[in-house]
All heavy atoms as atom14 arrays in JSON, in Angstrom:
{
  "sequence": "LAARIPFALALAGVLALTWYATYHLAHTEAARPLPLAFGGEAQP",
  "atom14_mask": [
    [1, 1, 1, 1, 1, 1, 1, 1, 0, 0, 0, 0, 0, 0],
    [1, 1, 1, 1, 1, 0, 0, 0, 0, 0, 0, 0, 0, 0],
    [1, 1, 1, 1, 1, 0, 0, 0, 0, 0, 0, 0, 0, 0],
    [1, 1, 1, 1, 1, 1, 1, 1, 1, 1, 1, 0, 0, 0],
    [1, 1, 1, 1, 1, 1, 1, 1, 0, 0, 0, 0, 0, 0],
    [1, 1, 1, 1, 1, 1, 1, 0, 0, 0, 0, 0, 0, 0],
    [1, 1, 1, 1, 1, 1, 1, 1, 1, 1, 1, 0, 0, 0],
    [1, 1, 1, 1, 1, 0, 0, 0, 0, 0, 0, 0, 0, 0],
    [1, 1, 1, 1, 1, 1, 1, 1, 0, 0, 0, 0, 0, 0],
    [1, 1, 1, 1, 1, 0, 0, 0, 0, 0, 0, 0, 0, 0],
    [1, 1, 1, 1, 1, 1, 1, 1, 0, 0, 0, 0, 0, 0],
    [1, 1, 1, 1, 1, 0, 0, 0, 0, 0, 0, 0, 0, 0],
    [1, 1, 1, 1, 0, 0, 0, 0, 0, 0, 0, 0, 0, 0],
    [1, 1, 1, 1, 1, 1, 1, 0, 0, 0, 0, 0, 0, 0],
    [1, 1, 1, 1, 1, 1, 1, 1, 0, 0, 0, 0, 0, 0],
    [1, 1, 1, 1, 1, 0, 0, 0, 0, 0, 0, 0, 0, 0],
    [1, 1, 1, 1, 1, 1, 1, 1, 0, 0, 0, 0, 0, 0],
    [1, 1, 1, 1, 1, 1, 1, 0, 0, 0, 0, 0, 0, 0],
    [1, 1, 1, 1, 1, 1, 1, 1, 1, 1, 1, 1, 1, 1],
    [1, 1, 1, 1, 1, 1, 1, 1, 1, 1, 1, 1, 0, 0],
    [1, 1, 1, 1, 1, 0, 0, 0, 0, 0, 0, 0, 0, 0],
    [1, 1, 1, 1, 1, 1, 1, 0, 0, 0, 0, 0, 0, 0],
    [1, 1, 1, 1, 1, 1, 1, 1, 1, 1, 1, 1, 0, 0],
    [1, 1, 1, 1, 1, 1, 1, 1, 1, 1, 0, 0, 0, 0],
    [1, 1, 1, 1, 1, 1, 1, 1, 0, 0, 0, 0, 0, 0],
    [1, 1, 1, 1, 1, 0, 0, 0, 0, 0, 0, 0, 0, 0],
    [1, 1, 1, 1, 1, 1, 1, 1, 1, 1, 0, 0, 0, 0],
    [1, 1, 1, 1, 1, 1, 1, 0, 0, 0, 0, 0, 0, 0],
    [1, 1, 1, 1, 1, 1, 1, 1, 1, 0, 0, 0, 0, 0],
    [1, 1, 1, 1, 1, 0, 0, 0, 0, 0, 0, 0, 0, 0],
    [1, 1, 1, 1, 1, 0, 0, 0, 0, 0, 0, 0, 0, 0],
    [1, 1, 1, 1, 1, 1, 1, 1, 1, 1, 1, 0, 0, 0],
    [1, 1, 1, 1, 1, 1, 1, 0, 0, 0, 0, 0, 0, 0],
    [1, 1, 1, 1, 1, 1, 1, 1, 0, 0, 0, 0, 0, 0],
    [1, 1, 1, 1, 1, 1, 1, 0, 0, 0, 0, 0, 0, 0],
    [1, 1, 1, 1, 1, 1, 1, 1, 0, 0, 0, 0, 0, 0],
    [1, 1, 1, 1, 1, 0, 0, 0, 0, 0, 0, 0, 0, 0],
    [1, 1, 1, 1, 1, 1, 1, 1, 1, 1, 1, 0, 0, 0],
    [1, 1, 1, 1, 0, 0, 0, 0, 0, 0, 0, 0, 0, 0],
    [1, 1, 1, 1, 0, 0, 0, 0, 0, 0, 0, 0, 0, 0],
    [1, 1, 1, 1, 1, 1, 1, 1, 1, 0, 0, 0, 0, 0],
    [1, 1, 1, 1, 1, 0, 0, 0, 0, 0, 0, 0, 0, 0],
    [1, 1, 1, 1, 1, 1, 1, 1, 1, 0, 0, 0, 0, 0],
    [1, 1, 1, 1, 1, 1, 1, 0, 0, 0, 0, 0, 0, 0]
  ],
  "atom14_positions": [
    [[-23.52, 31.35, -38.72], [-22.83, 32.34, -37.92], [-23.56, 32.44, -36.56], [-22.87, 32.54, -35.5], [-22.81, 33.67, -38.61], [-22.28, 34.84, -37.88], [-20.79, 34.58, -37.34], [-22.26, 36.15, -38.7], [0.0, 0.0, 0.0], [0.0, 0.0, 0.0], [0.0, 0.0, 0.0], [0.0, 0.0, 0.0], [0.0, 0.0, 0.0], [0.0, 0.0, 0.0]],
    [[-24.9, 32.57, -36.57], [-25.61, 32.68, -35.37], [-25.32, 31.52, -34.41], [-25.19, 31.73, -33.21], [-27.12, 32.77, -35.67], [0.0, 0.0, 0.0], [0.0, 0.0, 0.0], [0.0, 0.0, 0.0], [0.0, 0.0, 0.0], [0.0, 0.0, 0.0], [0.0, 0.0, 0.0], [0.0, 0.0, 0.0], [0.0, 0.0, 0.0], [0.0, 0.0, 0.0]],
    [[-25.24, 30.33, -34.92], [-24.94, 29.16, -34.08], [-23.58, 29.16, -33.49], [-23.32, 28.6, -32.37], [-25.13, 27.86, -34.9], [0.0, 0.0, 0.0], [0.0, 0.0, 0.0], [0.0, 0.0, 0.0], [0.0, 0.0, 0.0], [0.0, 0.0, 0.0], [0.0, 0.0, 0.0], [0.0, 0.0, 0.0], [0.0, 0.0, 0.0], [0.0, 0.0, 0.0]],
    [[-22.65, 29.85, -34.15], [-21.27, 29.84, -33.7], [-21.04, 30.86, -32.58], [-20.09, 30.82, -31.81], [-20.26, 30.1, -34.87], [-19.96, 28.88, -35.68], [-18.85, 29.14, -36.58], [-19.15, 30.04, -37.62], [-19.49, 29.67, -38.87], [-19.8, 28.41, -39.1], [-19.81, 30.47, -39.8], [0.0, 0.0, 0.0], [0.0, 0.0, 0.0], [0.0, 0.0, 0.0]],
    [[-21.89, 31.86, -32.44], [-21.75, 32.95, -31.45], [-21.67, 32.41, -30.06], [-20.73, 32.7, -29.34], [-22.82, 34.01, -31.69], [-22.64, 34.79, -32.99], [-22.81, 34.97, -30.43], [-23.76, 35.76, -33.29], [0.0, 0.0, 0.0], [0.0, 0.0, 0.0], [0.0, 0.0, 0.0], [0.0, 0.0, 0.0], [0.0, 0.0, 0.0], [0.0, 0.0, 0.0]],
    [[-22.63, 31.62, -29.54], [-22.51, 31.16, -28.16], [-21.29, 30.27, -27.88], [-20.69, 30.29, -26.78], [-23.79, 30.36, -27.93], [-24.22, 29.96, -29.25], [-23.86, 31.11, -30.19], [0.0, 0.0, 0.0], [0.0, 0.0, 0.0], [0.0, 0.0, 0.0], [0.0, 0.0, 0.0], [0.0, 0.0, 0.0], [0.0, 0.0, 0.0], [0.0, 0.0, 0.0]],
    [[-20.78, 29.58, -28.97], [-19.65, 28.76, -28.73], [-18.38, 29.57, -28.8], [-17.34, 29.24, -28.02], [-19.61, 27.68, -29.84], [-20.68, 26.67, -29.69], [-21.98, 26.92, -30.26], [-20.52, 25.55, -28.92], [-23.03, 26.03, -30.06], [-21.59, 24.65, -28.79], [-22.83, 24.88, -29.35], [0.0, 0.0, 0.0], [0.0, 0.0, 0.0], [0.0, 0.0, 0.0]],
    [[-18.33, 30.63, -29.55], [-17.15, 31.55, -29.48], [-17.15, 32.24, -28.1], [-16.06, 32.44, -27.47], [-17.27, 32.65, -30.54], [0.0, 0.0, 0.0], [0.0, 0.0, 0.0], [0.0, 0.0, 0.0], [0.0, 0.0, 0.0], [0.0, 0.0, 0.0], [0.0, 0.0, 0.0], [0.0, 0.0, 0.0], [0.0, 0.0, 0.0], [0.0, 0.0, 0.0]],
    [[-18.31, 32.62, -27.53], [-18.38, 33.19, -26.15], [-17.94, 32.14, -25.12], [-17.32, 32.52, -24.15], [-19.76, 33.68, -25.89], [-20.31, 34.85, -26.77], [-21.73, 35.16, -26.42], [-19.42, 36.09, -26.5], [0.0, 0.0, 0.0], [0.0, 0.0, 0.0], [0.0, 0.0, 0.0], [0.0, 0.0, 0.0], [0.0, 0.0, 0.0], [0.0, 0.0, 0.0]],
    [[-18.31, 30.89, -25.4], [-17.9, 29.86, -24.44], [-16.35, 29.69, -24.45], [-15.69, 29.51, -23.38], [-18.54, 28.56, -24.81], [0.0, 0.0, 0.0], [0.0, 0.0, 0.0], [0.0, 0.0, 0.0], [0.0, 0.0, 0.0], [0.0, 0.0, 0.0], [0.0, 0.0, 0.0], [0.0, 0.0, 0.0], [0.0, 0.0, 0.0], [0.0, 0.0, 0.0]],
    [[-15.7, 29.76, -25.59], [-14.28, 29.68, -25.69], [-13.63, 30.86, -25.0], [-12.66, 30.71, -24.2], [-13.86, 29.65, -27.19], [-12.3, 29.54, -27.42], [-11.68, 28.35, -26.69], [-11.98, 29.58, -28.89], [0.0, 0.0, 0.0], [0.0, 0.0, 0.0], [0.0, 0.0, 0.0], [0.0, 0.0, 0.0], [0.0, 0.0, 0.0], [0.0, 0.0, 0.0]],
    [[-14.16, 32.04, -25.18], [-13.69, 33.18, -24.44], [-13.87, 33.01, -22.96], [-12.99, 33.39, -22.13], [-14.32, 34.46, -24.91], [0.0, 0.0, 0.0], [0.0, 0.0, 0.0], [0.0, 0.0, 0.0], [0.0, 0.0, 0.0], [0.0, 0.0, 0.0], [0.0, 0.0, 0.0], [0.0, 0.0, 0.0], [0.0, 0.0, 0.0], [0.0, 0.0, 0.0]],
    [[-14.95, 32.39, -22.53], [-15.21, 32.12, -21.11], [-14.19, 31.14, -20.56], [-13.73, 31.37, -19.39], [0.0, 0.0, 0.0], [0.0, 0.0, 0.0], [0.0, 0.0, 0.0], [0.0, 0.0, 0.0], [0.0, 0.0, 0.0], [0.0, 0.0, 0.0], [0.0, 0.0, 0.0], [0.0, 0.0, 0.0], [0.0, 0.0, 0.0], [0.0, 0.0, 0.0]],
    [[-13.86, 30.21, -21.3], [-12.82, 29.19, -20.78], [-11.49, 29.88, -20.61], [-10.82, 29.67, -19.56], [-12.66, 28.06, -21.86], [-11.4, 27.2, -21.55], [-13.95, 27.2, -21.94], [0.0, 0.0, 0.0], [0.0, 0.0, 0.0], [0.0, 0.0, 0.0], [0.0, 0.0, 0.0], [0.0, 0.0, 0.0], [0.0, 0.0, 0.0], [0.0, 0.0, 0.0]],
    [[-11.12, 30.85, -21.56], [-9.89, 31.55, -21.33], [-9.86, 32.34, -20.12], [-8.89, 32.38, -19.3], [-9.56, 32.38, -22.55], [-9.35, 31.66, -23.95], [-9.13, 32.68, -25.01], [-8.26, 30.66, -23.9], [0.0, 0.0, 0.0], [0.0, 0.0, 0.0], [0.0, 0.0, 0.0], [0.0, 0.0, 0.0], [0.0, 0.0, 0.0], [0.0, 0.0, 0.0]],
    [[-11.06, 33.09, -19.84], [-11.1, 33.97, -18.72], [-11.15, 33.15, -17.44], [-10.51, 33.51, -16.4], [-12.4, 34.83, -18.85], [0.0, 0.0, 0.0], [0.0, 0.0, 0.0], [0.0, 0.0, 0.0], [0.0, 0.0, 0.0], [0.0, 0.0, 0.0], [0.0, 0.0, 0.0], [0.0, 0.0, 0.0], [0.0, 0.0, 0.0], [0.0, 0.0, 0.0]],
    [[-11.94, 32.03, -17.38], [-11.97, 31.22, -16.2], [-10.54, 30.59, -15.8], [-10.23, 30.45, -14.63], [-12.99, 30.15, -16.44], [-14.47, 30.53, -16.41], [-15.35, 29.44, -16.87], [-14.89, 30.9, -15.01], [0.0, 0.0, 0.0], [0.0, 0.0, 0.0], [0.0, 0.0, 0.0], [0.0, 0.0, 0.0], [0.0, 0.0, 0.0], [0.0, 0.0, 0.0]],
    [[-9.8, 30.27, -16.84], [-8.48, 29.72, -16.54], [-7.59, 30.88, -15.93], [-6.79, 30.57, -15.01], [-7.82, 29.21, -17.87], [-8.71, 28.22, -18.42], [-6.49, 28.56, -17.61], [0.0, 0.0, 0.0], [0.0, 0.0, 0.0], [0.0, 0.0, 0.0], [0.0, 0.0, 0.0], [0.0, 0.0, 0.0], [0.0, 0.0, 0.0], [0.0, 0.0, 0.0]],
    [[-7.68, 32.03, -16.48], [-6.88, 33.16, -15.98], [-7.22, 33.4, -14.53], [-6.3, 33.46, -13.6], [-7.23, 34.42, -16.78], [-6.18, 35.53, -16.48], [-5.12, 35.8, -17.16], [-6.24, 36.49, -15.44], [-4.43, 36.91, -16.67], [-5.11, 37.38, -15.55], [-7.15, 36.71, -14.43], [-4.89, 38.43, -14.77], [-6.94, 37.78, -13.53], [-5.82, 38.58, -13.67]],
    [[-8.49, 33.52, -14.18], [-8.94, 33.76, -12.77], [-8.64, 32.65, -11.87], [-8.33, 32.86, -10.61], [-10.41, 34.17, -12.76], [-10.68, 35.65, -13.2], [-11.21, 35.89, -14.46], [-10.32, 36.68, -12.33], [-11.4, 37.23, -14.91], [-10.49, 37.97, -12.8], [-11.08, 38.26, -14.02], [-11.2, 39.56, -14.45], [0.0, 0.0, 0.0], [0.0, 0.0, 0.0]],
    [[-8.8, 31.41, -12.35], [-8.49, 30.27, -11.5], [-6.95, 30.24, -11.09], [-6.67, 30.01, -9.97], [-8.79, 28.98, -12.19], [0.0, 0.0, 0.0], [0.0, 0.0, 0.0], [0.0, 0.0, 0.0], [0.0, 0.0, 0.0], [0.0, 0.0, 0.0], [0.0, 0.0, 0.0], [0.0, 0.0, 0.0], [0.0, 0.0, 0.0], [0.0, 0.0, 0.0]],
    [[-6.15, 30.51, -12.05], [-4.72, 30.58, -11.79], [-4.36, 31.78, -10.78], [-3.59, 31.68, -9.93], [-3.94, 30.7, -13.02], [-4.31, 29.77, -14.0], [-2.36, 30.52, -12.78], [0.0, 0.0, 0.0], [0.0, 0.0, 0.0], [0.0, 0.0, 0.0], [0.0, 0.0, 0.0], [0.0, 0.0, 0.0], [0.0, 0.0, 0.0], [0.0, 0.0, 0.0]],
    [[-5.08, 32.91, -11.05], [-4.81, 34.08, -10.24], [-5.14, 33.73, -8.73], [-4.32, 34.07, -7.9], [-5.68, 35.24, -10.67], [-5.54, 36.45, -9.81], [-4.51, 37.38, -10.05], [-6.44, 36.7, -8.79], [-4.38, 38.52, -9.3], [-6.31, 37.83, -8.02], [-5.26, 38.77, -8.32], [-5.19, 39.91, -7.54], [0.0, 0.0, 0.0], [0.0, 0.0, 0.0]],
    [[-6.25, 33.12, -8.52], [-6.67, 32.79, -7.12], [-5.76, 31.72, -6.52], [-5.42, 31.79, -5.33], [-8.14, 32.42, -7.03], [-9.07, 33.49, -7.3], [-9.03, 34.71, -6.65], [-9.97, 33.64, -8.32], [-9.99, 35.53, -7.06], [-10.61, 34.91, -8.11], [0.0, 0.0, 0.0], [0.0, 0.0, 0.0], [0.0, 0.0, 0.0], [0.0, 0.0, 0.0]],
    [[-5.33, 30.74, -7.25], [-4.48, 29.7, -6.76], [-3.08, 30.27, -6.48], [-2.48, 29.92, -5.42], [-4.37, 28.55, -7.74], [-5.59, 27.68, -7.9], [-5.48, 26.65, -8.97], [-6.02, 27.01, -6.57], [0.0, 0.0, 0.0], [0.0, 0.0, 0.0], [0.0, 0.0, 0.0], [0.0, 0.0, 0.0], [0.0, 0.0, 0.0], [0.0, 0.0, 0.0]],
    [[-2.56, 31.11, -7.32], [-1.27, 31.7, -7.08], [-1.31, 32.7, -5.95], [-0.2, 33.09, -5.44], [-0.77, 32.34, -8.45], [0.0, 0.0, 0.0], [0.0, 0.0, 0.0], [0.0, 0.0, 0.0], [0.0, 0.0, 0.0], [0.0, 0.0, 0.0], [0.0, 0.0, 0.0], [0.0, 0.0, 0.0], [0.0, 0.0, 0.0], [0.0, 0.0, 0.0]],
    [[-2.47, 33.19, -5.58], [-2.52, 34.24, -4.59], [-2.64, 33.59, -3.18], [-2.58, 34.29, -2.15], [-3.74, 35.07, -4.78], [-3.67, 36.52, -4.25], [-3.86, 36.78, -2.86], [-3.28, 37.67, -4.85], [-3.72, 38.08, -2.69], [-3.35, 38.61, -3.85], [0.0, 0.0, 0.0], [0.0, 0.0, 0.0], [0.0, 0.0, 0.0], [0.0, 0.0, 0.0]],
    [[-2.74, 32.29, -3.08], [-2.79, 31.58, -1.8], [-1.41, 31.73, -1.12], [-0.4, 31.84, -1.88], [-3.19, 30.14, -1.93], [-2.28, 29.48, -2.79], [-4.58, 29.98, -2.47], [0.0, 0.0, 0.0], [0.0, 0.0, 0.0], [0.0, 0.0, 0.0], [0.0, 0.0, 0.0], [0.0, 0.0, 0.0], [0.0, 0.0, 0.0], [0.0, 0.0, 0.0]],
    [[-1.39, 31.62, 0.17], [-0.16, 31.82, 0.93], [0.94, 30.77, 0.53], [2.09, 31.01, 0.48], [-0.39, 31.82, 2.42], [0.81, 32.13, 3.18], [0.54, 32.24, 4.71], [-0.75, 32.28, 5.04], [1.44, 32.32, 5.48], [0.0, 0.0, 0.0], [0.0, 0.0, 0.0], [0.0, 0.0, 0.0], [0.0, 0.0, 0.0], [0.0, 0.0, 0.0]],
    [[0.45, 29.5, 0.35], [1.39, 28.44, 0.11], [2.06, 28.55, -1.31], [3.15, 28.0, -1.52], [0.72, 27.11, 0.17], [0.0, 0.0, 0.0], [0.0, 0.0, 0.0], [0.0, 0.0, 0.0], [0.0, 0.0, 0.0], [0.0, 0.0, 0.0], [0.0, 0.0, 0.0], [0.0, 0.0, 0.0], [0.0, 0.0, 0.0], [0.0, 0.0, 0.0]],
    [[1.4, 29.18, -2.2], [1.94, 29.29, -3.54], [2.81, 30.52, -3.8], [3.43, 30.62, -4.78], [0.79, 29.38, -4.57], [0.0, 0.0, 0.0], [0.0, 0.0, 0.0], [0.0, 0.0, 0.0], [0.0, 0.0, 0.0], [0.0, 0.0, 0.0], [0.0, 0.0, 0.0], [0.0, 0.0, 0.0], [0.0, 0.0, 0.0], [0.0, 0.0, 0.0]],
    [[2.86, 31.43, -2.76], [3.7, 32.55, -2.97], [5.2, 32.3, -2.97], [5.65, 31.34, -2.3], [3.33, 33.62, -1.84], [1.95, 34.12, -1.91], [1.66, 35.0, -0.72], [0.21, 35.47, -0.69], [-0.37, 36.13, 0.27], [0.43, 36.47, 1.41], [-1.57, 36.53, 0.21], [0.0, 0.0, 0.0], [0.0, 0.0, 0.0], [0.0, 0.0, 0.0]],
    [[5.95, 33.12, -3.61], [7.43, 32.87, -3.58], [8.03, 33.15, -2.26], [7.51, 33.93, -1.39], [7.93, 33.85, -4.62], [6.88, 34.92, -4.74], [5.6, 34.29, -4.45], [0.0, 0.0, 0.0], [0.0, 0.0, 0.0], [0.0, 0.0, 0.0], [0.0, 0.0, 0.0], [0.0, 0.0, 0.0], [0.0, 0.0, 0.0], [0.0, 0.0, 0.0]],
    [[9.19, 32.61, -2.03], [9.86, 32.8, -0.78], [10.37, 34.26, -0.63], [10.77, 34.94, -1.62], [11.01, 31.85, -0.66], [10.71, 30.36, -0.51], [12.0, 29.49, -0.65], [9.96, 30.1, 0.8], [0.0, 0.0, 0.0], [0.0, 0.0, 0.0], [0.0, 0.0, 0.0], [0.0, 0.0, 0.0], [0.0, 0.0, 0.0], [0.0, 0.0, 0.0]],
    [[10.49, 34.81, 0.56], [10.99, 36.14, 0.71], [12.5, 36.04, 0.51], [13.19, 35.03, 0.85], [10.72, 36.51, 2.24], [10.42, 35.19, 2.88], [9.84, 34.25, 1.81], [0.0, 0.0, 0.0], [0.0, 0.0, 0.0], [0.0, 0.0, 0.0], [0.0, 0.0, 0.0], [0.0, 0.0, 0.0], [0.0, 0.0, 0.0], [0.0, 0.0, 0.0]],
    [[13.03, 37.13, -0.07], [14.51, 37.18, -0.33], [15.2, 37.81, 0.77], [14.7, 38.5, 1.63], [14.7, 38.04, -1.65], [14.04, 37.56, -2.88], [14.28, 38.48, -4.0], [14.4, 36.12, -3.23], [0.0, 0.0, 0.0], [0.0, 0.0, 0.0], [0.0, 0.0, 0.0], [0.0, 0.0, 0.0], [0.0, 0.0, 0.0], [0.0, 0.0, 0.0]],
    [[16.47, 37.43, 0.91], [17.26, 37.8, 2.07], [17.39, 39.38, 2.19], [17.43, 39.92, 3.29], [18.65, 37.21, 2.0], [0.0, 0.0, 0.0], [0.0, 0.0, 0.0], [0.0, 0.0, 0.0], [0.0, 0.0, 0.0], [0.0, 0.0, 0.0], [0.0, 0.0, 0.0], [0.0, 0.0, 0.0], [0.0, 0.0, 0.0], [0.0, 0.0, 0.0]],
    [[17.54, 40.05, 1.08], [17.68, 41.48, 1.12], [16.49, 42.22, 0.52], [16.52, 43.37, 0.08], [18.91, 41.86, 0.26], [20.25, 41.33, 0.79], [20.76, 40.17, 0.27], [20.84, 41.9, 1.92], [21.9, 39.62, 0.74], [22.0, 41.33, 2.36], [22.52, 40.18, 1.8], [0.0, 0.0, 0.0], [0.0, 0.0, 0.0], [0.0, 0.0, 0.0]],
    [[15.35, 41.53, 0.58], [14.12, 42.14, 0.1], [13.99, 42.08, -1.4], [14.83, 41.58, -2.1], [0.0, 0.0, 0.0], [0.0, 0.0, 0.0], [0.0, 0.0, 0.0], [0.0, 0.0, 0.0], [0.0, 0.0, 0.0], [0.0, 0.0, 0.0], [0.0, 0.0, 0.0], [0.0, 0.0, 0.0], [0.0, 0.0, 0.0], [0.0, 0.0, 0.0]],
    [[12.91, 42.78, -1.9], [12.71, 42.9, -3.33], [12.0, 41.7, -3.93], [11.85, 41.56, -5.21], [0.0, 0.0, 0.0], [0.0, 0.0, 0.0], [0.0, 0.0, 0.0], [0.0, 0.0, 0.0], [0.0, 0.0, 0.0], [0.0, 0.0, 0.0], [0.0, 0.0, 0.0], [0.0, 0.0, 0.0], [0.0, 0.0, 0.0], [0.0, 0.0, 0.0]],
    [[11.32, 40.87, -3.01], [10.62, 39.75, -3.57], [9.31, 40.27, -4.23], [8.82, 41.4, -3.93], [10.29, 38.73, -2.5], [9.4, 39.24, -1.39], [10.11, 39.86, -0.29], [11.36, 40.06, -0.4], [9.59, 40.27, 0.76], [0.0, 0.0, 0.0], [0.0, 0.0, 0.0], [0.0, 0.0, 0.0], [0.0, 0.0, 0.0], [0.0, 0.0, 0.0]],
    [[8.69, 39.39, -5.06], [7.5, 39.92, -5.73], [6.27, 40.05, -4.76], [6.15, 39.3, -3.83], [7.13, 38.81, -6.8], [0.0, 0.0, 0.0], [0.0, 0.0, 0.0], [0.0, 0.0, 0.0], [0.0, 0.0, 0.0], [0.0, 0.0, 0.0], [0.0, 0.0, 0.0], [0.0, 0.0, 0.0], [0.0, 0.0, 0.0], [0.0, 0.0, 0.0]],
    [[5.55, 41.09, -5.04], [4.3, 41.27, -4.29], [3.24, 40.21, -4.63], [3.17, 39.86, -5.81], [3.8, 42.66, -4.57], [4.7, 43.79, -4.1], [4.96, 43.71, -2.56], [3.97, 43.57, -1.79], [6.22, 43.86, -2.17], [0.0, 0.0, 0.0], [0.0, 0.0, 0.0], [0.0, 0.0, 0.0], [0.0, 0.0, 0.0], [0.0, 0.0, 0.0]],
    [[2.49, 39.71, -3.74], [1.55, 38.65, -3.93], [0.58, 38.91, -5.1], [0.37, 38.06, -5.96], [0.84, 38.48, -2.63], [1.74, 38.97, -1.59], [2.5, 40.12, -2.24], [0.0, 0.0, 0.0], [0.0, 0.0, 0.0], [0.0, 0.0, 0.0], [0.0, 0.0, 0.0], [0.0, 0.0, 0.0], [0.0, 0.0, 0.0], [0.0, 0.0, 0.0]]
  ]
}
């Protein structure tokens, strides 16, 4: 069990890093959705 603890933390770290990597890439200006003609587009 002790040997598995750092590897479970590593798996959790992979999930977190993937989330934050996608967040920053999707927050770039080129990745943002197009503005809608009558407004209401998603906030970045």
